[in-house]
C-alpha cells in the first residue's frame, strides 16, 4: 500500500539576452505522506497495556526479591542459632555430697525418786543440844553410834541431829529445814554398818 502522494510542479523560465534567447522548463515533484491508519484511541490503549505489563513485571520482580530476602534472613538466623548451640559450653552440674545424718542427742529420762511413805512424826519440843554419843553401855552400840554420828557430820544441814543406838536400832532426833534432809539423814544412818533399824523422830523447822 503506497502511503505517499506525489505532486508535480512545472516552472517555465524564458532567458532572453542579446546573444541568446531560450526557454527553460523546470519540473519539481513533491511527495507528501498519507495520514497513518492508527488512531489516537488505539495509541492510548497500547500505552495503558504497556504500563500495565510493566507494572506486573515490576510487581513480580519485587515479590521475588522479597522472597529471596526472607529466605536469606531465615538461613542466616538458622546458621546463627546453630553456631551459638555449637559454641555454647554444656552446663556444668556440681553435685554436693550428701550431708551426714545429724546425730540425735541422747534423750535422758530422769525419773523422779520414789517417795517413801514417811512414818508418823512425833513432834517433841526440845532445846537443840550438841550431838553427844550416848550408848547403853554396849561397846558395839557405841562403835555404831560413833560411826553414824561421823556420817551425819559430813553432810550439810545435819548438825542439829542427835542419834542414839541401842541394840542396833538408831533413834534420830533434832530439827532440819526440809523433809528431804530428814529422809537423807535416815538413809545415811541406815547405811552405817551395824544399824539394823532406824527410828526417825527428826522434826522439820517451821511446821
N, C-alpha and C. Protein backbone atom coordinates (compact mmCIF):
# COMPACT_ATOMS: atom_id res chain seq x y z
N UNK A 1 0.85 -1.18 0.00
CA UNK A 1 0.00 0.00 0.00
C UNK A 1 0.88 1.22 0.00
N UNK A 2 0.70 2.09 -1.00
CA UNK A 2 1.52 3.28 -1.12
C UNK A 2 0.94 4.34 -0.22
N UNK A 3 1.79 4.74 0.77
CA UNK A 3 1.33 5.73 1.75
C UNK A 3 1.78 7.12 1.39
N UNK A 4 2.35 7.32 0.20
CA UNK A 4 2.83 8.64 -0.18
C UNK A 4 2.07 9.11 -1.43
N UNK A 5 1.79 10.40 -1.46
CA UNK A 5 1.07 11.01 -2.60
C UNK A 5 2.00 12.05 -3.26
N UNK A 6 2.22 11.93 -4.65
CA UNK A 6 3.13 12.84 -5.34
C UNK A 6 2.41 14.04 -5.99
N UNK A 7 3.05 15.17 -6.01
CA UNK A 7 2.51 16.38 -6.64
C UNK A 7 3.61 17.02 -7.48
N UNK A 8 3.33 17.18 -8.78
CA UNK A 8 4.36 17.67 -9.72
C UNK A 8 4.09 19.14 -10.04
N UNK A 9 5.14 19.96 -9.99
CA UNK A 9 5.06 21.38 -10.34
C UNK A 9 6.02 21.68 -11.49
N UNK A 10 5.53 22.47 -12.43
CA UNK A 10 6.34 22.86 -13.57
C UNK A 10 6.60 24.35 -13.53
N UNK A 11 7.85 24.73 -13.82
CA UNK A 11 8.24 26.14 -13.86
C UNK A 11 8.84 26.44 -15.24
N UNK A 12 8.29 27.45 -15.88
CA UNK A 12 8.75 27.82 -17.24
C UNK A 12 9.50 29.15 -17.14
N UNK A 13 10.80 29.13 -17.49
CA UNK A 13 11.65 30.32 -17.40
C UNK A 13 12.13 30.65 -18.82
N UNK A 14 12.00 31.96 -19.21
CA UNK A 14 12.47 32.43 -20.54
C UNK A 14 13.73 33.25 -20.33
N UNK A 15 14.77 32.86 -20.99
CA UNK A 15 16.04 33.58 -20.91
C UNK A 15 16.20 34.35 -22.21
N UNK A 16 16.25 35.68 -22.16
CA UNK A 16 16.36 36.50 -23.35
C UNK A 16 17.53 37.43 -23.19
N UNK A 17 18.52 37.20 -23.91
CA UNK A 17 19.74 38.03 -23.89
C UNK A 17 20.00 38.50 -25.30
N UNK A 18 20.89 39.47 -25.47
CA UNK A 18 21.18 39.92 -26.82
C UNK A 18 21.77 38.83 -27.71
N UNK A 19 22.41 37.94 -27.08
CA UNK A 19 23.06 36.91 -27.86
C UNK A 19 22.28 35.62 -27.88
N UNK A 20 21.33 35.48 -26.93
CA UNK A 20 20.66 34.17 -26.81
C UNK A 20 19.24 34.40 -26.38
N UNK A 21 18.40 33.56 -26.84
CA UNK A 21 17.00 33.57 -26.44
C UNK A 21 16.59 32.10 -26.29
N UNK A 22 16.22 31.74 -25.03
CA UNK A 22 15.84 30.34 -24.80
C UNK A 22 14.81 30.28 -23.68
N UNK A 23 14.18 29.16 -23.63
CA UNK A 23 13.19 28.90 -22.60
C UNK A 23 13.63 27.67 -21.78
N UNK A 24 13.54 27.78 -20.52
CA UNK A 24 13.93 26.69 -19.61
C UNK A 24 12.71 26.27 -18.81
N UNK A 25 12.40 25.01 -18.90
CA UNK A 25 11.25 24.46 -18.15
C UNK A 25 11.79 23.54 -17.05
N UNK A 26 11.36 23.79 -15.83
CA UNK A 26 11.82 23.02 -14.67
C UNK A 26 10.64 22.28 -14.05
N UNK A 27 10.81 21.02 -13.84
CA UNK A 27 9.78 20.20 -13.18
C UNK A 27 10.23 19.84 -11.74
N UNK A 28 9.32 20.01 -10.81
CA UNK A 28 9.61 19.65 -9.39
C UNK A 28 8.45 18.84 -8.86
N UNK A 29 8.81 17.70 -8.30
CA UNK A 29 7.78 16.79 -7.77
C UNK A 29 7.89 16.77 -6.24
N UNK A 30 6.79 17.01 -5.59
CA UNK A 30 6.73 16.98 -4.12
C UNK A 30 5.86 15.80 -3.69
N UNK A 31 6.35 15.09 -2.73
CA UNK A 31 5.60 13.95 -2.18
C UNK A 31 5.22 14.26 -0.74
N UNK A 32 4.00 13.99 -0.42
CA UNK A 32 3.50 14.17 0.98
C UNK A 32 2.99 12.84 1.51
N UNK A 33 3.41 12.45 2.69
CA UNK A 33 2.96 11.16 3.25
C UNK A 33 1.49 11.19 3.55
N UNK A 34 0.88 10.07 3.29
CA UNK A 34 -0.54 9.94 3.61
C UNK A 34 -0.70 9.74 5.11
N UNK A 35 -1.78 10.20 5.64
CA UNK A 35 -2.00 10.00 7.10
C UNK A 35 -2.09 8.52 7.47
N UNK A 36 -1.48 8.16 8.61
CA UNK A 36 -1.46 6.77 9.08
C UNK A 36 -2.85 6.33 9.46
N UNK A 37 -3.04 4.96 9.47
CA UNK A 37 -4.34 4.41 9.81
C UNK A 37 -4.56 4.21 11.30
N UNK A 38 -3.54 4.44 12.20
CA UNK A 38 -3.67 4.23 13.66
C UNK A 38 -4.22 5.49 14.27
N UNK A 39 -5.30 5.31 15.01
CA UNK A 39 -5.95 6.47 15.63
C UNK A 39 -5.34 6.77 17.00
N UNK A 40 -5.73 7.89 17.55
CA UNK A 40 -5.24 8.31 18.89
C UNK A 40 -5.75 7.37 19.98
N UNK A 41 -6.97 6.88 19.88
CA UNK A 41 -7.51 5.95 20.88
C UNK A 41 -6.73 4.66 20.94
N UNK A 42 -6.32 4.18 19.76
CA UNK A 42 -5.53 2.94 19.75
C UNK A 42 -4.20 3.15 20.43
N UNK A 43 -3.61 4.30 20.16
CA UNK A 43 -2.32 4.59 20.80
C UNK A 43 -2.49 4.65 22.32
N UNK A 44 -3.58 5.23 22.81
CA UNK A 44 -3.81 5.31 24.26
C UNK A 44 -3.97 3.92 24.86
N UNK A 45 -4.72 3.05 24.18
CA UNK A 45 -4.91 1.69 24.69
C UNK A 45 -3.58 0.96 24.75
N UNK A 46 -2.80 1.13 23.66
CA UNK A 46 -1.49 0.47 23.66
C UNK A 46 -0.63 0.97 24.82
N UNK A 47 -0.68 2.27 25.11
CA UNK A 47 0.11 2.83 26.21
C UNK A 47 -0.34 2.28 27.56
N UNK A 48 -1.69 2.18 27.74
CA UNK A 48 -2.21 1.65 29.00
C UNK A 48 -1.79 0.20 29.19
N UNK A 49 -1.90 -0.61 28.12
CA UNK A 49 -1.50 -2.01 28.21
C UNK A 49 -0.02 -2.13 28.54
N UNK A 50 0.79 -1.28 27.90
CA UNK A 50 2.23 -1.33 28.15
C UNK A 50 2.54 -0.99 29.60
N UNK A 51 1.82 0.04 30.12
CA UNK A 51 2.04 0.42 31.53
C UNK A 51 1.63 -0.72 32.46
N UNK A 52 0.49 -1.38 32.14
CA UNK A 52 0.04 -2.48 32.98
C UNK A 52 1.04 -3.63 32.96
N UNK A 53 1.56 -3.93 31.79
CA UNK A 53 2.55 -5.02 31.69
C UNK A 53 3.81 -4.68 32.48
N UNK A 54 4.25 -3.44 32.35
CA UNK A 54 5.44 -3.02 33.10
C UNK A 54 5.18 -3.12 34.60
N UNK A 55 3.96 -2.70 35.05
CA UNK A 55 3.64 -2.79 36.49
C UNK A 55 3.64 -4.22 36.97
N UNK A 56 3.07 -5.14 36.15
CA UNK A 56 3.07 -6.55 36.55
C UNK A 56 4.48 -7.10 36.64
N UNK A 57 5.32 -6.72 35.69
CA UNK A 57 6.71 -7.20 35.73
C UNK A 57 7.42 -6.68 36.97
N UNK A 58 7.20 -5.40 37.26
CA UNK A 58 7.83 -4.83 38.47
C UNK A 58 7.32 -5.52 39.73
N UNK A 59 6.01 -5.81 39.80
CA UNK A 59 5.43 -6.48 40.97
C UNK A 59 6.02 -7.88 41.16
N UNK A 60 6.11 -8.63 40.04
CA UNK A 60 6.67 -9.98 40.13
C UNK A 60 8.12 -9.94 40.58
N UNK A 61 8.87 -9.01 40.00
CA UNK A 61 10.28 -8.91 40.38
C UNK A 61 10.42 -8.52 41.86
N UNK A 62 9.56 -7.59 42.32
CA UNK A 62 9.63 -7.18 43.73
C UNK A 62 9.30 -8.35 44.66
N UNK A 63 8.27 -9.15 44.31
CA UNK A 63 7.93 -10.31 45.14
C UNK A 63 9.06 -11.31 45.19
N UNK A 64 9.69 -11.52 44.05
CA UNK A 64 10.81 -12.47 44.04
C UNK A 64 11.95 -11.96 44.92
N UNK A 65 12.23 -10.68 44.82
CA UNK A 65 13.30 -10.13 45.66
C UNK A 65 12.96 -10.24 47.14
N UNK A 66 11.67 -9.97 47.48
CA UNK A 66 11.27 -10.07 48.89
C UNK A 66 11.38 -11.50 49.40
N UNK A 67 10.95 -12.47 48.56
CA UNK A 67 11.05 -13.87 48.97
C UNK A 67 12.50 -14.28 49.15
N UNK A 68 13.34 -13.83 48.22
CA UNK A 68 14.76 -14.18 48.36
C UNK A 68 15.36 -13.56 49.62
N UNK A 69 14.97 -12.32 49.90
CA UNK A 69 15.49 -11.68 51.12
C UNK A 69 15.02 -12.41 52.37
N UNK A 70 13.71 -12.83 52.38
CA UNK A 70 13.20 -13.58 53.55
C UNK A 70 13.92 -14.90 53.71
N UNK A 71 14.14 -15.61 52.59
CA UNK A 71 14.87 -16.89 52.67
C UNK A 71 16.29 -16.66 53.18
N UNK A 72 16.91 -15.57 52.70
CA UNK A 72 18.27 -15.30 53.13
C UNK A 72 18.33 -15.00 54.63
N UNK A 73 17.34 -14.21 55.12
CA UNK A 73 17.31 -13.90 56.55
C UNK A 73 17.06 -15.15 57.39
N UNK A 74 16.15 -16.03 56.90
CA UNK A 74 15.88 -17.27 57.64
C UNK A 74 17.12 -18.15 57.69
N UNK A 75 17.84 -18.23 56.57
CA UNK A 75 19.05 -19.05 56.57
C UNK A 75 20.11 -18.47 57.51
N UNK A 76 20.22 -17.13 57.51
CA UNK A 76 21.20 -16.51 58.42
C UNK A 76 20.82 -16.75 59.88
N UNK A 77 19.51 -16.65 60.18
CA UNK A 77 19.07 -16.89 61.57
C UNK A 77 19.34 -18.32 61.99
N UNK A 78 19.04 -19.28 61.11
CA UNK A 78 19.29 -20.69 61.44
C UNK A 78 20.78 -20.94 61.62
N UNK A 79 21.60 -20.35 60.76
CA UNK A 79 23.04 -20.55 60.88
C UNK A 79 23.56 -19.94 62.17
N UNK A 80 23.00 -18.76 62.56
CA UNK A 80 23.43 -18.12 63.81
C UNK A 80 23.06 -18.98 65.01
N UNK A 81 21.84 -19.55 65.01
CA UNK A 81 21.43 -20.41 66.12
C UNK A 81 22.30 -21.65 66.20
N UNK A 82 22.60 -22.25 65.05
CA UNK A 82 23.45 -23.44 65.06
C UNK A 82 24.84 -23.13 65.59
N UNK A 83 25.37 -21.98 65.19
CA UNK A 83 26.72 -21.63 65.67
C UNK A 83 26.72 -21.37 67.16
N UNK A 84 25.62 -20.74 67.66
CA UNK A 84 25.55 -20.50 69.11
C UNK A 84 25.44 -21.80 69.88
N UNK A 85 24.62 -22.72 69.35
CA UNK A 85 24.47 -24.01 70.03
C UNK A 85 25.78 -24.79 70.03
N UNK A 86 26.54 -24.67 68.96
CA UNK A 86 27.80 -25.40 68.90
C UNK A 86 28.86 -24.78 69.80
N UNK A 87 28.85 -23.45 69.90
CA UNK A 87 29.88 -22.78 70.70
C UNK A 87 29.52 -22.70 72.18
N UNK A 88 28.23 -22.82 72.52
CA UNK A 88 27.84 -22.71 73.93
C UNK A 88 28.29 -23.95 74.70
N UNK A 89 29.08 -23.77 75.77
CA UNK A 89 29.55 -24.94 76.53
C UNK A 89 28.41 -25.61 77.25
N UNK A 90 28.50 -26.91 77.44
CA UNK A 90 27.43 -27.60 78.17
C UNK A 90 27.38 -27.15 79.61
N UNK A 91 26.21 -27.16 80.22
CA UNK A 91 26.10 -26.73 81.62
C UNK A 91 26.87 -27.66 82.55
N UNK A 92 27.52 -27.04 83.52
CA UNK A 92 28.30 -27.79 84.50
C UNK A 92 27.43 -28.08 85.71
N UNK A 93 27.28 -29.33 86.04
CA UNK A 93 26.45 -29.75 87.18
C UNK A 93 27.39 -30.12 88.33
N UNK A 94 27.27 -29.39 89.40
CA UNK A 94 28.08 -29.63 90.60
C UNK A 94 27.20 -30.34 91.61
N UNK A 95 27.57 -31.54 91.94
CA UNK A 95 26.78 -32.34 92.87
C UNK A 95 27.48 -32.32 94.23
N UNK A 96 26.81 -31.76 95.19
CA UNK A 96 27.37 -31.66 96.52
C UNK A 96 27.14 -32.98 97.27
N UNK A 97 28.13 -33.37 98.04
CA UNK A 97 27.94 -34.61 98.81
C UNK A 97 26.82 -34.46 99.82
N UNK A 98 26.15 -35.53 100.00
CA UNK A 98 25.03 -35.51 100.95
C UNK A 98 25.54 -35.24 102.35
N UNK A 99 24.82 -34.38 103.04
CA UNK A 99 25.21 -34.04 104.40
C UNK A 99 25.07 -35.27 105.29
N UNK A 100 26.05 -35.49 106.16
CA UNK A 100 25.95 -36.66 107.04
C UNK A 100 24.73 -36.54 107.94
N UNK A 101 24.10 -37.65 108.19
CA UNK A 101 22.91 -37.58 109.06
C UNK A 101 23.24 -37.02 110.42
N UNK A 102 22.41 -36.11 110.82
CA UNK A 102 22.64 -35.46 112.10
C UNK A 102 22.33 -36.43 113.24
N UNK A 103 23.34 -36.55 114.07
CA UNK A 103 23.18 -37.47 115.19
C UNK A 103 22.29 -36.84 116.25
N UNK A 104 21.28 -37.56 116.57
CA UNK A 104 20.36 -37.03 117.56
C UNK A 104 20.98 -37.10 118.96
N UNK A 105 20.71 -36.06 119.68
CA UNK A 105 21.22 -36.03 121.04
C UNK A 105 20.53 -37.10 121.88
N UNK A 106 21.28 -37.74 122.71
CA UNK A 106 20.65 -38.78 123.54
C UNK A 106 19.59 -38.18 124.46
N UNK A 107 18.52 -38.88 124.55
CA UNK A 107 17.41 -38.44 125.39
C UNK A 107 17.61 -39.03 126.79
N UNK A 108 17.73 -38.14 127.72
CA UNK A 108 17.94 -38.56 129.11
C UNK A 108 16.62 -38.41 129.85
N UNK A 109 16.14 -39.50 130.28
CA UNK A 109 14.89 -39.50 131.04
C UNK A 109 15.25 -39.67 132.51
N UNK A 110 14.99 -38.66 133.24
CA UNK A 110 15.31 -38.68 134.66
C UNK A 110 14.04 -38.96 135.45
N UNK A 111 14.08 -40.07 136.10
CA UNK A 111 12.92 -40.44 136.90
C UNK A 111 13.02 -39.80 138.28
N UNK A 112 11.90 -39.32 138.67
CA UNK A 112 11.86 -38.71 140.00
C UNK A 112 12.02 -39.79 141.06
N UNK A 113 12.77 -39.50 142.08
CA UNK A 113 12.95 -40.51 143.13
C UNK A 113 11.61 -40.86 143.78
N UNK A 114 11.45 -42.13 143.95
CA UNK A 114 10.19 -42.59 144.55
C UNK A 114 10.09 -42.08 145.99
N UNK A 115 8.98 -41.55 146.23
CA UNK A 115 8.76 -41.02 147.59
C UNK A 115 8.36 -42.16 148.52
N UNK A 116 9.03 -42.21 149.59
CA UNK A 116 8.71 -43.23 150.59
C UNK A 116 7.74 -42.64 151.61
N UNK A 117 6.84 -43.46 151.92
CA UNK A 117 5.87 -43.01 152.92
C UNK A 117 6.56 -42.85 154.26
N UNK A 118 6.48 -41.64 154.72
CA UNK A 118 7.17 -41.34 155.97
C UNK A 118 6.35 -41.87 157.16
N UNK A 119 7.05 -42.42 158.08
CA UNK A 119 6.35 -42.84 159.29
C UNK A 119 5.82 -41.63 160.04
N UNK A 120 4.85 -41.81 160.84
CA UNK A 120 4.32 -40.68 161.61
C UNK A 120 5.41 -40.04 162.46
N UNK A 121 5.42 -38.72 162.40
CA UNK A 121 6.46 -37.94 163.10
C UNK A 121 5.87 -37.46 164.42
N UNK A 122 6.60 -37.74 165.44
CA UNK A 122 6.20 -37.26 166.77
C UNK A 122 6.98 -35.99 167.04
N UNK A 123 6.25 -34.88 167.18
CA UNK A 123 6.90 -33.59 167.42
C UNK A 123 7.18 -33.49 168.92
N UNK A 124 8.44 -33.33 169.18
CA UNK A 124 8.86 -33.23 170.58
C UNK A 124 9.67 -31.95 170.72
N UNK A 125 9.15 -31.05 171.46
CA UNK A 125 9.83 -29.78 171.65
C UNK A 125 10.97 -30.00 172.62
N UNK A 126 12.15 -29.73 172.11
CA UNK A 126 13.33 -29.87 172.97
C UNK A 126 14.36 -28.88 172.49
N UNK A 127 15.14 -28.40 173.40
CA UNK A 127 16.19 -27.46 173.04
C UNK A 127 17.26 -28.20 172.28
N UNK A 128 17.76 -27.59 171.19
CA UNK A 128 18.81 -28.26 170.42
C UNK A 128 20.04 -28.46 171.26
N UNK A 129 20.52 -29.63 171.24
CA UNK A 129 21.72 -29.98 172.01
C UNK A 129 22.77 -30.49 171.06
N UNK A 130 23.99 -30.34 171.44
CA UNK A 130 25.11 -30.84 170.64
C UNK A 130 25.09 -32.36 170.68
N UNK A 131 25.41 -32.92 169.51
CA UNK A 131 25.40 -34.37 169.43
C UNK A 131 26.42 -34.93 170.42
N UNK A 132 25.88 -35.82 171.26
CA UNK A 132 26.74 -36.50 172.22
C UNK A 132 26.53 -37.98 172.04
N UNK A 133 27.59 -38.69 171.80
CA UNK A 133 27.43 -40.14 171.68
C UNK A 133 26.96 -40.71 173.01
N UNK A 134 25.72 -41.18 173.00
CA UNK A 134 25.15 -41.76 174.21
C UNK A 134 24.82 -43.21 173.92
N UNK A 135 25.26 -44.09 174.68
CA UNK A 135 25.00 -45.50 174.44
C UNK A 135 24.40 -46.15 175.66
N UNK A 136 24.10 -47.39 175.49
CA UNK A 136 23.52 -48.14 176.60
C UNK A 136 24.56 -48.97 177.33
N UNK A 137 25.82 -48.66 177.10
CA UNK A 137 26.89 -49.39 177.77
C UNK A 137 27.47 -50.46 176.91
N UNK A 138 26.81 -50.78 175.76
CA UNK A 138 27.33 -51.84 174.91
C UNK A 138 28.43 -51.27 174.04
N UNK A 139 29.53 -51.96 173.95
CA UNK A 139 30.64 -51.48 173.13
C UNK A 139 30.28 -51.46 171.66
N UNK A 140 29.51 -52.45 171.19
CA UNK A 140 29.14 -52.49 169.77
C UNK A 140 28.24 -51.32 169.42
N UNK A 141 27.24 -51.01 170.30
CA UNK A 141 26.35 -49.89 170.02
C UNK A 141 27.11 -48.58 170.02
N UNK A 142 28.10 -48.44 170.90
CA UNK A 142 28.88 -47.21 170.95
C UNK A 142 29.68 -47.02 169.67
N UNK A 143 30.24 -48.12 169.17
CA UNK A 143 31.00 -48.02 167.91
C UNK A 143 30.09 -47.62 166.75
N UNK A 144 28.90 -48.26 166.69
CA UNK A 144 27.96 -47.93 165.61
C UNK A 144 27.48 -46.49 165.74
N UNK A 145 27.22 -46.04 166.98
CA UNK A 145 26.76 -44.68 167.19
C UNK A 145 27.80 -43.66 166.78
N UNK A 146 29.07 -43.93 167.09
CA UNK A 146 30.14 -43.02 166.69
C UNK A 146 30.28 -42.95 165.17
N UNK A 147 30.16 -44.08 164.51
CA UNK A 147 30.27 -44.09 163.05
C UNK A 147 29.10 -43.33 162.40
N UNK A 148 27.89 -43.52 162.95
CA UNK A 148 26.72 -42.84 162.40
C UNK A 148 26.82 -41.33 162.63
N UNK A 149 27.32 -40.95 163.81
CA UNK A 149 27.49 -39.53 164.10
C UNK A 149 28.47 -38.87 163.13
N UNK A 150 29.55 -39.58 162.84
CA UNK A 150 30.54 -39.05 161.89
C UNK A 150 29.93 -38.87 160.49
N UNK A 151 29.12 -39.84 160.06
CA UNK A 151 28.50 -39.74 158.74
C UNK A 151 27.54 -38.54 158.67
N UNK A 152 26.79 -38.32 159.78
CA UNK A 152 25.88 -37.18 159.77
C UNK A 152 26.65 -35.85 159.72
N UNK A 153 27.78 -35.77 160.43
CA UNK A 153 28.54 -34.52 160.45
C UNK A 153 29.18 -34.21 159.08
N UNK A 154 29.33 -35.22 158.26
CA UNK A 154 29.92 -34.99 156.93
C UNK A 154 28.93 -34.37 155.95
N UNK A 155 27.64 -34.30 156.32
CA UNK A 155 26.60 -33.75 155.43
C UNK A 155 26.15 -32.41 155.97
N UNK A 156 25.91 -31.46 155.04
CA UNK A 156 25.46 -30.12 155.43
C UNK A 156 24.02 -30.16 155.90
N UNK A 157 23.72 -29.32 156.86
CA UNK A 157 22.35 -29.18 157.34
C UNK A 157 21.94 -30.21 158.36
N UNK A 158 22.89 -31.07 158.81
CA UNK A 158 22.52 -32.12 159.77
C UNK A 158 23.24 -31.96 161.10
N UNK A 159 23.69 -30.76 161.39
CA UNK A 159 24.44 -30.53 162.63
C UNK A 159 23.56 -30.59 163.87
N UNK A 160 22.25 -30.37 163.70
CA UNK A 160 21.34 -30.36 164.85
C UNK A 160 20.62 -31.70 165.04
N UNK A 161 21.13 -32.76 164.42
CA UNK A 161 20.51 -34.08 164.55
C UNK A 161 21.28 -34.87 165.63
N UNK A 162 20.53 -35.47 166.55
CA UNK A 162 21.12 -36.34 167.59
C UNK A 162 20.79 -37.79 167.26
N UNK A 163 21.68 -38.70 167.62
CA UNK A 163 21.49 -40.12 167.34
C UNK A 163 21.80 -40.92 168.60
N UNK A 164 21.00 -41.95 168.80
CA UNK A 164 21.22 -42.87 169.93
C UNK A 164 20.99 -44.28 169.40
N UNK A 165 21.96 -45.16 169.64
CA UNK A 165 21.91 -46.53 169.13
C UNK A 165 21.77 -47.46 170.32
N UNK A 166 20.78 -48.32 170.24
CA UNK A 166 20.56 -49.31 171.29
C UNK A 166 20.18 -50.63 170.63
N UNK A 167 21.08 -51.62 170.79
CA UNK A 167 20.87 -52.95 170.24
C UNK A 167 20.63 -52.90 168.72
N UNK A 168 21.35 -52.04 168.06
CA UNK A 168 21.28 -51.95 166.60
C UNK A 168 20.23 -50.99 166.08
N UNK A 169 19.35 -50.50 166.93
CA UNK A 169 18.30 -49.58 166.50
C UNK A 169 18.78 -48.16 166.74
N UNK A 170 18.80 -47.34 165.69
CA UNK A 170 19.26 -45.96 165.78
C UNK A 170 18.04 -45.06 165.86
N UNK A 171 18.00 -44.23 166.91
CA UNK A 171 16.92 -43.28 167.09
C UNK A 171 17.44 -41.89 166.76
N UNK A 172 16.78 -41.21 165.79
CA UNK A 172 17.21 -39.89 165.35
C UNK A 172 16.26 -38.86 165.92
N UNK A 173 16.81 -37.73 166.38
CA UNK A 173 16.03 -36.63 166.91
C UNK A 173 16.73 -35.33 166.53
N UNK A 174 16.01 -34.23 166.74
CA UNK A 174 16.55 -32.92 166.35
C UNK A 174 15.68 -32.28 165.28
N UNK A 175 16.21 -31.22 164.65
CA UNK A 175 15.43 -30.48 163.64
C UNK A 175 16.26 -30.29 162.36
N UNK A 176 15.55 -30.28 161.26
CA UNK A 176 16.16 -29.95 159.95
C UNK A 176 15.23 -28.95 159.24
N UNK A 177 15.71 -28.44 158.12
CA UNK A 177 14.95 -27.39 157.41
C UNK A 177 14.00 -27.94 156.35
N UNK A 178 14.12 -29.23 156.01
CA UNK A 178 13.26 -29.75 154.95
C UNK A 178 13.05 -31.24 155.14
N UNK A 179 12.01 -31.74 154.49
CA UNK A 179 11.73 -33.17 154.53
C UNK A 179 12.79 -33.96 153.79
N UNK A 180 13.44 -33.33 152.78
CA UNK A 180 14.49 -34.03 152.05
C UNK A 180 15.68 -34.32 152.96
N UNK A 181 16.05 -33.35 153.80
CA UNK A 181 17.15 -33.58 154.74
C UNK A 181 16.78 -34.64 155.77
N UNK A 182 15.55 -34.67 156.16
CA UNK A 182 15.11 -35.70 157.13
C UNK A 182 15.25 -37.09 156.52
N UNK A 183 14.80 -37.24 155.27
CA UNK A 183 14.93 -38.54 154.62
C UNK A 183 16.39 -38.88 154.36
N UNK A 184 17.19 -37.87 153.99
CA UNK A 184 18.61 -38.13 153.71
C UNK A 184 19.33 -38.59 154.99
N UNK A 185 18.99 -37.98 156.11
CA UNK A 185 19.63 -38.37 157.38
C UNK A 185 19.30 -39.82 157.70
N UNK A 186 18.08 -40.20 157.44
CA UNK A 186 17.70 -41.59 157.71
C UNK A 186 18.48 -42.55 156.81
N UNK A 187 18.65 -42.20 155.54
CA UNK A 187 19.39 -43.07 154.63
C UNK A 187 20.86 -43.17 155.02
N UNK A 188 21.42 -42.05 155.48
CA UNK A 188 22.84 -42.06 155.87
C UNK A 188 23.04 -42.99 157.07
N UNK A 189 22.17 -42.88 158.06
CA UNK A 189 22.32 -43.71 159.26
C UNK A 189 22.03 -45.18 158.93
N UNK A 190 21.04 -45.45 158.08
CA UNK A 190 20.70 -46.82 157.75
C UNK A 190 21.85 -47.52 157.01
N UNK A 191 22.68 -46.71 156.31
CA UNK A 191 23.80 -47.30 155.55
C UNK A 191 24.99 -47.63 156.44
N UNK A 192 24.99 -47.19 157.69
CA UNK A 192 26.11 -47.48 158.59
C UNK A 192 26.08 -48.96 158.98
N UNK A 193 27.23 -49.56 158.95
CA UNK A 193 27.31 -50.98 159.30
C UNK A 193 26.98 -51.17 160.78
N UNK A 194 26.08 -52.10 161.07
CA UNK A 194 25.66 -52.40 162.43
C UNK A 194 24.30 -51.85 162.78
N UNK A 195 23.75 -50.95 161.93
CA UNK A 195 22.43 -50.39 162.18
C UNK A 195 21.41 -51.34 161.56
N UNK A 196 20.52 -51.84 162.37
CA UNK A 196 19.50 -52.77 161.89
C UNK A 196 18.15 -52.11 161.71
N UNK A 197 17.90 -50.99 162.38
CA UNK A 197 16.62 -50.28 162.27
C UNK A 197 16.85 -48.82 162.59
N UNK A 198 15.93 -47.95 162.06
CA UNK A 198 16.06 -46.51 162.28
C UNK A 198 14.70 -46.00 162.73
N UNK A 199 14.71 -45.29 163.83
CA UNK A 199 13.51 -44.62 164.32
C UNK A 199 13.72 -43.13 164.10
N UNK A 200 13.09 -42.61 163.05
CA UNK A 200 13.33 -41.22 162.64
C UNK A 200 12.34 -40.32 163.36
N UNK A 201 12.82 -39.61 164.35
CA UNK A 201 12.00 -38.67 165.12
C UNK A 201 12.43 -37.22 164.84
N UNK A 202 13.07 -37.00 163.75
CA UNK A 202 13.54 -35.64 163.40
C UNK A 202 12.33 -34.79 163.05
N UNK A 203 12.33 -33.53 163.50
CA UNK A 203 11.27 -32.59 163.20
C UNK A 203 11.79 -31.59 162.15
N UNK A 204 10.83 -31.05 161.39
CA UNK A 204 11.15 -30.09 160.36
C UNK A 204 10.82 -28.70 160.89
N UNK A 205 11.76 -27.81 160.86
CA UNK A 205 11.55 -26.47 161.42
C UNK A 205 10.55 -25.72 160.55
N UNK A 206 9.65 -25.00 161.23
CA UNK A 206 8.65 -24.21 160.52
C UNK A 206 7.36 -24.95 160.30
N UNK A 207 7.25 -26.19 160.68
CA UNK A 207 6.00 -26.95 160.54
C UNK A 207 5.32 -27.03 161.88
